[in-house]
Every structure is written in C-alpha cells, then in structure tokens.
Full PDB file with SEQRES, HELIX, SHEET, SSBOND, CRYST1, ORIGX, SCALE, CONECT and MASTER records, all heavy atoms in Angstrom:
SEQRES   1 A   37  GLY ARG ILE VAL PHE ALA LEU ASP ALA THR ALA SER ARG          
SEQRES   2 A   37  GLN PRO ASN TRP ASP MET ALA ALA HIS ILE GLN ALA GLU          
SEQRES   3 A   37  MET PHE ASP ALA VAL SER LYS ILE GLY THR LEU                  
HELIX    1 AA1 ALA A   11  ARG A   13  5                                   3    
HELIX    2 AA2 GLN A   14  ILE A   23  1                                  10    
HELIX    3 AA3 ALA A   25  ALA A   30  1                                   6    
CRYST1    1.000    1.000    1.000  90.00  90.00  90.00 P 1           1          
ORIGX1      1.000000  0.000000  0.000000        0.00000                         
ORIGX2      0.000000  1.000000  0.000000        0.00000                         
ORIGX3      0.000000  0.000000  1.000000        0.00000                         
SCALE1      1.000000  0.000000  0.000000        0.00000                         
SCALE2      0.000000  1.000000  0.000000        0.00000                         
SCALE3      0.000000  0.000000  1.000000        0.00000                         
ATOM      1  N   GLY A   1      23.112   6.770  -1.734  1.00  0.00           N  
ATOM      2  CA  GLY A   1      21.915   7.500  -1.346  1.00  0.00           C  
ATOM      3  C   GLY A   1      21.293   6.927  -0.095  1.00  0.00           C  
ATOM      4  O   GLY A   1      21.458   5.743   0.216  1.00  0.00           O  
ATOM      5  N   ARG A   2      20.567   7.790   0.651  1.00  0.00           N  
ATOM      6  CA  ARG A   2      19.911   7.356   1.886  1.00  0.00           C  
ATOM      7  C   ARG A   2      18.471   7.870   1.882  1.00  0.00           C  
ATOM      8  O   ARG A   2      18.226   9.059   1.646  1.00  0.00           O  
ATOM      9  CB  ARG A   2      20.662   7.897   3.115  1.00  0.00           C  
ATOM     10  CG  ARG A   2      21.971   7.161   3.379  1.00  0.00           C  
ATOM     11  CD  ARG A   2      22.926   7.987   4.215  1.00  0.00           C  
ATOM     12  NE  ARG A   2      22.434   8.259   5.569  1.00  0.00           N  
ATOM     13  CZ  ARG A   2      22.652   7.456   6.620  1.00  0.00           C  
ATOM     14  NH1 ARG A   2      23.317   6.334   6.470  1.00  0.00           N  
ATOM     15  NH2 ARG A   2      22.207   7.792   7.808  1.00  0.00           N  
ATOM     16  N   ILE A   3      17.549   6.963   2.155  1.00  0.00           N  
ATOM     17  CA  ILE A   3      16.119   7.279   2.150  1.00  0.00           C  
ATOM     18  C   ILE A   3      15.491   6.792   3.445  1.00  0.00           C  
ATOM     19  O   ILE A   3      15.748   5.667   3.892  1.00  0.00           O  
ATOM     20  CB  ILE A   3      15.400   6.594   0.963  1.00  0.00           C  
ATOM     21  CG1 ILE A   3      15.884   7.156  -0.369  1.00  0.00           C  
ATOM     22  CG2 ILE A   3      13.886   6.750   1.075  1.00  0.00           C  
ATOM     23  CD1 ILE A   3      15.318   6.431  -1.584  1.00  0.00           C  
ATOM     24  N   VAL A   4      14.658   7.630   4.052  1.00  0.00           N  
ATOM     25  CA  VAL A   4      13.799   7.190   5.147  1.00  0.00           C  
ATOM     26  C   VAL A   4      12.438   6.866   4.548  1.00  0.00           C  
ATOM     27  O   VAL A   4      11.817   7.720   3.904  1.00  0.00           O  
ATOM     28  CB  VAL A   4      13.664   8.274   6.239  1.00  0.00           C  
ATOM     29  CG1 VAL A   4      12.576   7.877   7.238  1.00  0.00           C  
ATOM     30  CG2 VAL A   4      14.990   8.460   6.958  1.00  0.00           C  
ATOM     31  N   PHE A   5      11.991   5.634   4.742  1.00  0.00           N  
ATOM     32  CA  PHE A   5      10.717   5.146   4.226  1.00  0.00           C  
ATOM     33  C   PHE A   5       9.759   5.066   5.411  1.00  0.00           C  
ATOM     34  O   PHE A   5       9.859   4.171   6.240  1.00  0.00           O  
ATOM     35  CB  PHE A   5      10.915   3.778   3.581  1.00  0.00           C  
ATOM     36  CG  PHE A   5       9.720   3.228   2.863  1.00  0.00           C  
ATOM     37  CD1 PHE A   5       8.829   4.044   2.192  1.00  0.00           C  
ATOM     38  CD2 PHE A   5       9.489   1.861   2.842  1.00  0.00           C  
ATOM     39  CE1 PHE A   5       7.730   3.530   1.514  1.00  0.00           C  
ATOM     40  CE2 PHE A   5       8.404   1.320   2.159  1.00  0.00           C  
ATOM     41  CZ  PHE A   5       7.524   2.159   1.495  1.00  0.00           C  
ATOM     42  N   ALA A   6       8.853   6.039   5.511  1.00  0.00           N  
ATOM     43  CA  ALA A   6       7.985   6.168   6.683  1.00  0.00           C  
ATOM     44  C   ALA A   6       6.545   5.855   6.310  1.00  0.00           C  
ATOM     45  O   ALA A   6       6.051   6.310   5.273  1.00  0.00           O  
ATOM     46  CB  ALA A   6       8.077   7.577   7.255  1.00  0.00           C  
ATOM     47  N   LEU A   7       5.876   5.096   7.180  1.00  0.00           N  
ATOM     48  CA  LEU A   7       4.506   4.690   6.899  1.00  0.00           C  
ATOM     49  C   LEU A   7       3.632   4.803   8.139  1.00  0.00           C  
ATOM     50  O   LEU A   7       4.073   4.563   9.267  1.00  0.00           O  
ATOM     51  CB  LEU A   7       4.450   3.240   6.397  1.00  0.00           C  
ATOM     52  CG  LEU A   7       5.173   2.931   5.098  1.00  0.00           C  
ATOM     53  CD1 LEU A   7       6.563   2.387   5.398  1.00  0.00           C  
ATOM     54  CD2 LEU A   7       4.395   1.918   4.274  1.00  0.00           C  
ATOM     55  N   ASP A   8       2.400   5.161   7.898  1.00  0.00           N  
ATOM     56  CA  ASP A   8       1.346   5.140   8.906  1.00  0.00           C  
ATOM     57  C   ASP A   8       0.982   3.671   9.137  1.00  0.00           C  
ATOM     58  O   ASP A   8       0.572   2.974   8.213  1.00  0.00           O  
ATOM     59  CB  ASP A   8       0.144   5.930   8.365  1.00  0.00           C  
ATOM     60  CG  ASP A   8      -1.038   5.973   9.321  1.00  0.00           C  
ATOM     61  OD1 ASP A   8      -1.119   5.114  10.218  1.00  0.00           O  
ATOM     62  OD2 ASP A   8      -1.897   6.850   9.147  1.00  0.00           O  
ATOM     63  N   ALA A   9       1.153   3.190  10.371  1.00  0.00           N  
ATOM     64  CA  ALA A   9       0.830   1.799  10.706  1.00  0.00           C  
ATOM     65  C   ALA A   9      -0.346   1.726  11.667  1.00  0.00           C  
ATOM     66  O   ALA A   9      -0.426   0.822  12.503  1.00  0.00           O  
ATOM     67  CB  ALA A   9       2.047   1.096  11.308  1.00  0.00           C  
ATOM     68  N   THR A  10      -1.267   2.697  11.573  1.00  0.00           N  
ATOM     69  CA  THR A  10      -2.489   2.605  12.361  1.00  0.00           C  
ATOM     70  C   THR A  10      -3.425   1.589  11.719  1.00  0.00           C  
ATOM     71  O   THR A  10      -3.219   1.154  10.585  1.00  0.00           O  
ATOM     72  CB  THR A  10      -3.169   3.982  12.488  1.00  0.00           C  
ATOM     73  OG1 THR A  10      -3.356   4.554  11.198  1.00  0.00           O  
ATOM     74  CG2 THR A  10      -2.300   4.923  13.319  1.00  0.00           C  
ATOM     75  N   ALA A  11      -4.470   1.199  12.437  1.00  0.00           N  
ATOM     76  CA  ALA A  11      -5.250   0.012  12.106  1.00  0.00           C  
ATOM     77  C   ALA A  11      -5.786  -0.030  10.676  1.00  0.00           C  
ATOM     78  O   ALA A  11      -5.798  -1.086  10.036  1.00  0.00           O  
ATOM     79  CB  ALA A  11      -6.404  -0.125  13.094  1.00  0.00           C  
ATOM     80  N   SER A  12      -6.226   1.100  10.138  1.00  0.00           N  
ATOM     81  CA  SER A  12      -6.838   1.118   8.814  1.00  0.00           C  
ATOM     82  C   SER A  12      -5.860   0.805   7.691  1.00  0.00           C  
ATOM     83  O   SER A  12      -6.262   0.582   6.547  1.00  0.00           O  
ATOM     84  CB  SER A  12      -7.470   2.490   8.545  1.00  0.00           C  
ATOM     85  OG  SER A  12      -6.472   3.504   8.532  1.00  0.00           O  
ATOM     86  N   ARG A  13      -4.578   0.761   8.019  1.00  0.00           N  
ATOM     87  CA  ARG A  13      -3.546   0.666   6.984  1.00  0.00           C  
ATOM     88  C   ARG A  13      -3.014  -0.740   6.757  1.00  0.00           C  
ATOM     89  O   ARG A  13      -2.150  -0.937   5.914  1.00  0.00           O  
ATOM     90  CB  ARG A  13      -2.382   1.570   7.386  1.00  0.00           C  
ATOM     91  CG  ARG A  13      -2.732   3.029   7.485  1.00  0.00           C  
ATOM     92  CD  ARG A  13      -2.426   3.775   6.216  1.00  0.00           C  
ATOM     93  NE  ARG A  13      -1.079   3.458   5.807  1.00  0.00           N  
ATOM     94  CZ  ARG A  13      -0.717   3.098   4.574  1.00  0.00           C  
ATOM     95  NH1 ARG A  13      -1.609   3.016   3.630  1.00  0.00           N  
ATOM     96  NH2 ARG A  13       0.539   2.820   4.301  1.00  0.00           N  
ATOM     97  N   GLN A  14      -3.512  -1.759   7.452  1.00  0.00           N  
ATOM     98  CA  GLN A  14      -2.917  -3.094   7.359  1.00  0.00           C  
ATOM     99  C   GLN A  14      -2.850  -3.647   5.932  1.00  0.00           C  
ATOM    100  O   GLN A  14      -1.797  -4.134   5.510  1.00  0.00           O  
ATOM    101  CB  GLN A  14      -3.657  -4.083   8.262  1.00  0.00           C  
ATOM    102  CG  GLN A  14      -2.979  -5.446   8.369  1.00  0.00           C  
ATOM    103  CD  GLN A  14      -1.633  -5.387   9.093  1.00  0.00           C  
ATOM    104  OE1 GLN A  14      -1.564  -4.976  10.242  1.00  0.00           O  
ATOM    105  NE2 GLN A  14      -0.558  -5.789   8.416  1.00  0.00           N  
ATOM    106  N   PRO A  15      -3.936  -3.601   5.145  1.00  0.00           N  
ATOM    107  CA  PRO A  15      -3.842  -4.160   3.781  1.00  0.00           C  
ATOM    108  C   PRO A  15      -2.768  -3.481   2.936  1.00  0.00           C  
ATOM    109  O   PRO A  15      -2.004  -4.143   2.225  1.00  0.00           O  
ATOM    110  CB  PRO A  15      -5.243  -3.922   3.201  1.00  0.00           C  
ATOM    111  CG  PRO A  15      -6.130  -3.827   4.400  1.00  0.00           C  
ATOM    112  CD  PRO A  15      -5.303  -3.148   5.447  1.00  0.00           C  
ATOM    113  N   ASN A  16      -2.684  -2.161   3.014  1.00  0.00           N  
ATOM    114  CA  ASN A  16      -1.692  -1.446   2.225  1.00  0.00           C  
ATOM    115  C   ASN A  16      -0.289  -1.576   2.805  1.00  0.00           C  
ATOM    116  O   ASN A  16       0.700  -1.423   2.088  1.00  0.00           O  
ATOM    117  CB  ASN A  16      -2.083   0.021   2.097  1.00  0.00           C  
ATOM    118  CG  ASN A  16      -3.265   0.216   1.171  1.00  0.00           C  
ATOM    119  OD1 ASN A  16      -3.413  -0.503   0.190  1.00  0.00           O  
ATOM    120  ND2 ASN A  16      -4.120   1.169   1.478  1.00  0.00           N  
ATOM    121  N   TRP A  17      -0.196  -1.827   4.098  1.00  0.00           N  
ATOM    122  CA  TRP A  17       1.116  -2.091   4.698  1.00  0.00           C  
ATOM    123  C   TRP A  17       1.686  -3.377   4.113  1.00  0.00           C  
ATOM    124  O   TRP A  17       2.852  -3.440   3.726  1.00  0.00           O  
ATOM    125  CB  TRP A  17       0.990  -2.224   6.216  1.00  0.00           C  
ATOM    126  CG  TRP A  17       2.296  -2.538   6.880  1.00  0.00           C  
ATOM    127  CD1 TRP A  17       2.902  -3.760   6.993  1.00  0.00           C  
ATOM    128  CD2 TRP A  17       3.185  -1.601   7.488  1.00  0.00           C  
ATOM    129  NE1 TRP A  17       4.096  -3.638   7.644  1.00  0.00           N  
ATOM    130  CE2 TRP A  17       4.293  -2.335   7.957  1.00  0.00           C  
ATOM    131  CE3 TRP A  17       3.136  -0.222   7.697  1.00  0.00           C  
ATOM    132  CZ2 TRP A  17       5.367  -1.725   8.621  1.00  0.00           C  
ATOM    133  CZ3 TRP A  17       4.197   0.389   8.353  1.00  0.00           C  
ATOM    134  CH2 TRP A  17       5.297  -0.359   8.806  1.00  0.00           C  
ATOM    135  N   ASP A  18       0.868  -4.417   4.041  1.00  0.00           N  
ATOM    136  CA  ASP A  18       1.328  -5.692   3.487  1.00  0.00           C  
ATOM    137  C   ASP A  18       1.776  -5.520   2.036  1.00  0.00           C  
ATOM    138  O   ASP A  18       2.763  -6.124   1.608  1.00  0.00           O  
ATOM    139  CB  ASP A  18       0.212  -6.730   3.585  1.00  0.00           C  
ATOM    140  CG  ASP A  18      -0.152  -7.066   5.023  1.00  0.00           C  
ATOM    141  OD1 ASP A  18       0.703  -6.860   5.918  1.00  0.00           O  
ATOM    142  OD2 ASP A  18      -1.278  -7.518   5.261  1.00  0.00           O  
ATOM    143  N   MET A  19       1.047  -4.721   1.286  1.00  0.00           N  
ATOM    144  CA  MET A  19       1.413  -4.454  -0.102  1.00  0.00           C  
ATOM    145  C   MET A  19       2.764  -3.758  -0.176  1.00  0.00           C  
ATOM    146  O   MET A  19       3.648  -4.150  -0.945  1.00  0.00           O  
ATOM    147  CB  MET A  19       0.347  -3.573  -0.766  1.00  0.00           C  
ATOM    148  CG  MET A  19       0.695  -3.122  -2.173  1.00  0.00           C  
ATOM    149  SD  MET A  19      -0.466  -1.887  -2.804  1.00  0.00           S  
ATOM    150  CE  MET A  19      -0.028  -0.448  -1.816  1.00  0.00           C  
ATOM    151  N   ALA A  20       2.949  -2.730   0.650  1.00  0.00           N  
ATOM    152  CA  ALA A  20       4.198  -1.968   0.631  1.00  0.00           C  
ATOM    153  C   ALA A  20       5.390  -2.829   1.037  1.00  0.00           C  
ATOM    154  O   ALA A  20       6.510  -2.617   0.557  1.00  0.00           O  
ATOM    155  CB  ALA A  20       4.084  -0.756   1.541  1.00  0.00           C  
ATOM    156  N   ALA A  21       5.166  -3.801   1.907  1.00  0.00           N  
ATOM    157  CA  ALA A  21       6.251  -4.669   2.359  1.00  0.00           C  
ATOM    158  C   ALA A  21       6.886  -5.416   1.196  1.00  0.00           C  
ATOM    159  O   ALA A  21       8.090  -5.688   1.188  1.00  0.00           O  
ATOM    160  CB  ALA A  21       5.731  -5.657   3.397  1.00  0.00           C  
ATOM    161  N   HIS A  22       6.094  -5.754   0.206  1.00  0.00           N  
ATOM    162  CA  HIS A  22       6.618  -6.470  -0.952  1.00  0.00           C  
ATOM    163  C   HIS A  22       7.129  -5.513  -2.029  1.00  0.00           C  
ATOM    164  O   HIS A  22       8.125  -5.784  -2.698  1.00  0.00           O  
ATOM    165  CB  HIS A  22       5.534  -7.380  -1.526  1.00  0.00           C  
ATOM    166  CG  HIS A  22       5.120  -8.471  -0.583  1.00  0.00           C  
ATOM    167  ND1 HIS A  22       5.871  -9.616  -0.408  1.00  0.00           N  
ATOM    168  CD2 HIS A  22       4.063  -8.590   0.252  1.00  0.00           C  
ATOM    169  CE1 HIS A  22       5.285 -10.394   0.489  1.00  0.00           C  
ATOM    170  NE2 HIS A  22       4.183  -9.795   0.902  1.00  0.00           N  
ATOM    171  N   ILE A  23       6.479  -4.386  -2.195  1.00  0.00           N  
ATOM    172  CA  ILE A  23       6.826  -3.457  -3.262  1.00  0.00           C  
ATOM    173  C   ILE A  23       8.126  -2.708  -2.989  1.00  0.00           C  
ATOM    174  O   ILE A  23       8.809  -2.274  -3.925  1.00  0.00           O  
ATOM    175  CB  ILE A  23       5.662  -2.466  -3.486  1.00  0.00           C  
ATOM    176  CG1 ILE A  23       4.482  -3.207  -4.100  1.00  0.00           C  
ATOM    177  CG2 ILE A  23       6.068  -1.301  -4.365  1.00  0.00           C  
ATOM    178  CD1 ILE A  23       3.238  -2.361  -4.221  1.00  0.00           C  
ATOM    179  N   GLN A  24       8.522  -2.564  -1.720  1.00  0.00           N  
ATOM    180  CA  GLN A  24       9.718  -1.785  -1.402  1.00  0.00           C  
ATOM    181  C   GLN A  24      10.963  -2.269  -2.130  1.00  0.00           C  
ATOM    182  O   GLN A  24      11.921  -1.508  -2.322  1.00  0.00           O  
ATOM    183  CB  GLN A  24       9.952  -1.765   0.112  1.00  0.00           C  
ATOM    184  CG  GLN A  24      10.005  -3.130   0.775  1.00  0.00           C  
ATOM    185  CD  GLN A  24      11.316  -3.874   0.627  1.00  0.00           C  
ATOM    186  OE1 GLN A  24      12.349  -3.274   0.389  1.00  0.00           O  
ATOM    187  NE2 GLN A  24      11.274  -5.183   0.752  1.00  0.00           N  
ATOM    188  N   ALA A  25      10.967  -3.508  -2.583  1.00  0.00           N  
ATOM    189  CA  ALA A  25      12.128  -4.035  -3.308  1.00  0.00           C  
ATOM    190  C   ALA A  25      12.424  -3.223  -4.560  1.00  0.00           C  
ATOM    191  O   ALA A  25      13.567  -3.213  -5.049  1.00  0.00           O  
ATOM    192  CB  ALA A  25      11.889  -5.501  -3.686  1.00  0.00           C  
ATOM    193  N   GLU A  26      11.411  -2.543  -5.082  1.00  0.00           N  
ATOM    194  CA  GLU A  26      11.599  -1.739  -6.287  1.00  0.00           C  
ATOM    195  C   GLU A  26      12.672  -0.673  -6.090  1.00  0.00           C  
ATOM    196  O   GLU A  26      13.388  -0.318  -7.037  1.00  0.00           O  
ATOM    197  CB  GLU A  26      10.275  -1.078  -6.676  1.00  0.00           C  
ATOM    198  CG  GLU A  26      10.311  -0.297  -7.974  1.00  0.00           C  
ATOM    199  CD  GLU A  26      10.568  -1.174  -9.186  1.00  0.00           C  
ATOM    200  OE1 GLU A  26      10.083  -2.327  -9.211  1.00  0.00           O  
ATOM    201  OE2 GLU A  26      11.265  -0.701 -10.112  1.00  0.00           O  
ATOM    202  N   MET A  27      12.800  -0.155  -4.880  1.00  0.00           N  
ATOM    203  CA  MET A  27      13.804   0.874  -4.633  1.00  0.00           C  
ATOM    204  C   MET A  27      15.213   0.337  -4.836  1.00  0.00           C  
ATOM    205  O   MET A  27      16.065   0.986  -5.441  1.00  0.00           O  
ATOM    206  CB  MET A  27      13.640   1.451  -3.224  1.00  0.00           C  
ATOM    207  CG  MET A  27      12.414   2.328  -3.062  1.00  0.00           C  
ATOM    208  SD  MET A  27      12.311   3.148  -1.444  1.00  0.00           S  
ATOM    209  CE  MET A  27      11.704   1.801  -0.433  1.00  0.00           C  
ATOM    210  N   PHE A  28      15.455  -0.853  -4.322  1.00  0.00           N  
ATOM    211  CA  PHE A  28      16.783  -1.449  -4.467  1.00  0.00           C  
ATOM    212  C   PHE A  28      17.030  -1.904  -5.902  1.00  0.00           C  
ATOM    213  O   PHE A  28      18.129  -1.735  -6.434  1.00  0.00           O  
ATOM    214  CB  PHE A  28      16.923  -2.637  -3.512  1.00  0.00           C  
ATOM    215  CG  PHE A  28      16.853  -2.260  -2.060  1.00  0.00           C  
ATOM    216  CD1 PHE A  28      15.667  -2.381  -1.345  1.00  0.00           C  
ATOM    217  CD2 PHE A  28      17.974  -1.776  -1.391  1.00  0.00           C  
ATOM    218  CE1 PHE A  28      15.597  -2.035  -0.004  1.00  0.00           C  
ATOM    219  CE2 PHE A  28      17.918  -1.430  -0.046  1.00  0.00           C  
ATOM    220  CZ  PHE A  28      16.721  -1.563   0.646  1.00  0.00           C  
ATOM    221  N   ASP A  29      16.011  -2.479  -6.529  1.00  0.00           N  
ATOM    222  CA  ASP A  29      16.168  -2.953  -7.905  1.00  0.00           C  
ATOM    223  C   ASP A  29      16.477  -1.806  -8.862  1.00  0.00           C  
ATOM    224  O   ASP A  29      17.277  -1.949  -9.788  1.00  0.00           O  
ATOM    225  CB  ASP A  29      14.892  -3.673  -8.365  1.00  0.00           C  
ATOM    226  CG  ASP A  29      14.650  -4.974  -7.628  1.00  0.00           C  
ATOM    227  OD1 ASP A  29      15.610  -5.494  -7.008  1.00  0.00           O  
ATOM    228  OD2 ASP A  29      13.503  -5.465  -7.639  1.00  0.00           O  
ATOM    229  N   ALA A  30      15.823  -0.664  -8.642  1.00  0.00           N  
ATOM    230  CA  ALA A  30      15.966   0.457  -9.570  1.00  0.00           C  
ATOM    231  C   ALA A  30      17.386   0.994  -9.629  1.00  0.00           C  
ATOM    232  O   ALA A  30      17.809   1.531 -10.657  1.00  0.00           O  
ATOM    233  CB  ALA A  30      15.006   1.576  -9.185  1.00  0.00           C  
ATOM    234  N   VAL A  31      18.141   0.854  -8.548  1.00  0.00           N  
ATOM    235  CA  VAL A  31      19.486   1.453  -8.494  1.00  0.00           C  
ATOM    236  C   VAL A  31      20.596   0.408  -8.442  1.00  0.00           C  
ATOM    237  O   VAL A  31      21.753   0.761  -8.243  1.00  0.00           O  
ATOM    238  CB  VAL A  31      19.609   2.397  -7.279  1.00  0.00           C  
ATOM    239  CG1 VAL A  31      18.590   3.511  -7.358  1.00  0.00           C  
ATOM    240  CG2 VAL A  31      19.449   1.626  -5.966  1.00  0.00           C  
ATOM    241  N   SER A  32      20.255  -0.847  -8.652  1.00  0.00           N  
ATOM    242  CA  SER A  32      21.235  -1.918  -8.475  1.00  0.00           C  
ATOM    243  C   SER A  32      22.450  -1.774  -9.388  1.00  0.00           C  
ATOM    244  O   SER A  32      23.550  -2.221  -9.045  1.00  0.00           O  
ATOM    245  CB  SER A  32      20.572  -3.284  -8.707  1.00  0.00           C  
ATOM    246  OG  SER A  32      20.046  -3.361 -10.021  1.00  0.00           O  
ATOM    247  N   LYS A  33      22.278  -1.129 -10.556  1.00  0.00           N  
ATOM    248  CA  LYS A  33      23.377  -1.007 -11.505  1.00  0.00           C  
ATOM    249  C   LYS A  33      24.109   0.336 -11.427  1.00  0.00           C  
ATOM    250  O   LYS A  33      25.125   0.527 -12.100  1.00  0.00           O  
ATOM    251  CB  LYS A  33      22.863  -1.224 -12.927  1.00  0.00           C  
ATOM    252  CG  LYS A  33      22.333  -2.626 -13.176  1.00  0.00           C  
ATOM    253  CD  LYS A  33      21.853  -2.778 -14.614  1.00  0.00           C  
ATOM    254  CE  LYS A  33      21.324  -4.185 -14.853  1.00  0.00           C  
ATOM    255  NZ  LYS A  33      20.831  -4.359 -16.257  1.00  0.00           N  
ATOM    256  N   ILE A  34      23.588   1.260 -10.631  1.00  0.00           N  
ATOM    257  CA  ILE A  34      24.219   2.582 -10.599  1.00  0.00           C  
ATOM    258  C   ILE A  34      24.741   2.976  -9.220  1.00  0.00           C  
ATOM    259  O   ILE A  34      25.422   3.995  -9.082  1.00  0.00           O  
ATOM    260  CB  ILE A  34      23.247   3.676 -11.102  1.00  0.00           C  
ATOM    261  CG1 ILE A  34      21.980   3.733 -10.232  1.00  0.00           C  
ATOM    262  CG2 ILE A  34      22.895   3.460 -12.545  1.00  0.00           C  
ATOM    263  CD1 ILE A  34      21.047   4.881 -10.615  1.00  0.00           C  
ATOM    264  N   GLY A  35      24.457   2.207  -8.200  1.00  0.00           N  
ATOM    265  CA  GLY A  35      24.956   2.552  -6.874  1.00  0.00           C  
ATOM    266  C   GLY A  35      24.215   1.807  -5.783  1.00  0.00           C  
ATOM    267  O   GLY A  35      23.295   1.038  -6.051  1.00  0.00           O  
ATOM    268  N   THR A  36      24.630   2.042  -4.544  1.00  0.00           N  
ATOM    269  CA  THR A  36      23.998   1.401  -3.400  1.00  0.00           C  
ATOM    270  C   THR A  36      23.041   2.365  -2.706  1.00  0.00           C  
ATOM    271  O   THR A  36      23.186   3.583  -2.793  1.00  0.00           O  
ATOM    272  CB  THR A  36      25.054   0.926  -2.391  1.00  0.00           C  
ATOM    273  OG1 THR A  36      25.890   2.030  -2.034  1.00  0.00           O  
ATOM    274  CG2 THR A  36      25.888  -0.191  -2.963  1.00  0.00           C  
ATOM    275  N   LEU A  37      22.085   1.784  -2.005  1.00  0.00           N  
ATOM    276  CA  LEU A  37      21.046   2.572  -1.349  1.00  0.00           C  
ATOM    277  C   LEU A  37      20.839   2.058   0.064  1.00  0.00           C  
ATOM    278  O   LEU A  37      20.727   0.844   0.287  1.00  0.00           O  
ATOM    279  CB  LEU A  37      19.740   2.444  -2.146  1.00  0.00           C  
ATOM    280  CG  LEU A  37      18.549   3.277  -1.692  1.00  0.00           C  
ATOM    281  CD1 LEU A  37      18.805   4.762  -1.932  1.00  0.00           C  
ATOM    282  CD2 LEU A  37      17.287   2.846  -2.465  1.00  0.00           C  
TER     283      LEU A  37                                                      
MASTER        0    0    0    3    0    0    0    6  282    1    0    3          
END                                                                             
C-alpha cells in the first residue's frame, strides 16, 4: 500500500505537528504483520 501523509505546517500548527511526528508510527505498526507500507 501507498499513502501520502499531508499536513498543514503553517505557524499555528507547530504543537500538533510535533505530536503527529511521533504518532505516525502507528501506520507502520498496524500493518507490520500483513504487508509493507
């Protein structure tokens, strides 16, 4: 599977950008046993 992960990186988004940087691992973890992403 192929996913484009797009985010608004304008100034108001910095706190949530930092959060998303760590949470994105969930995408890879969720499919680790059924395929590559």
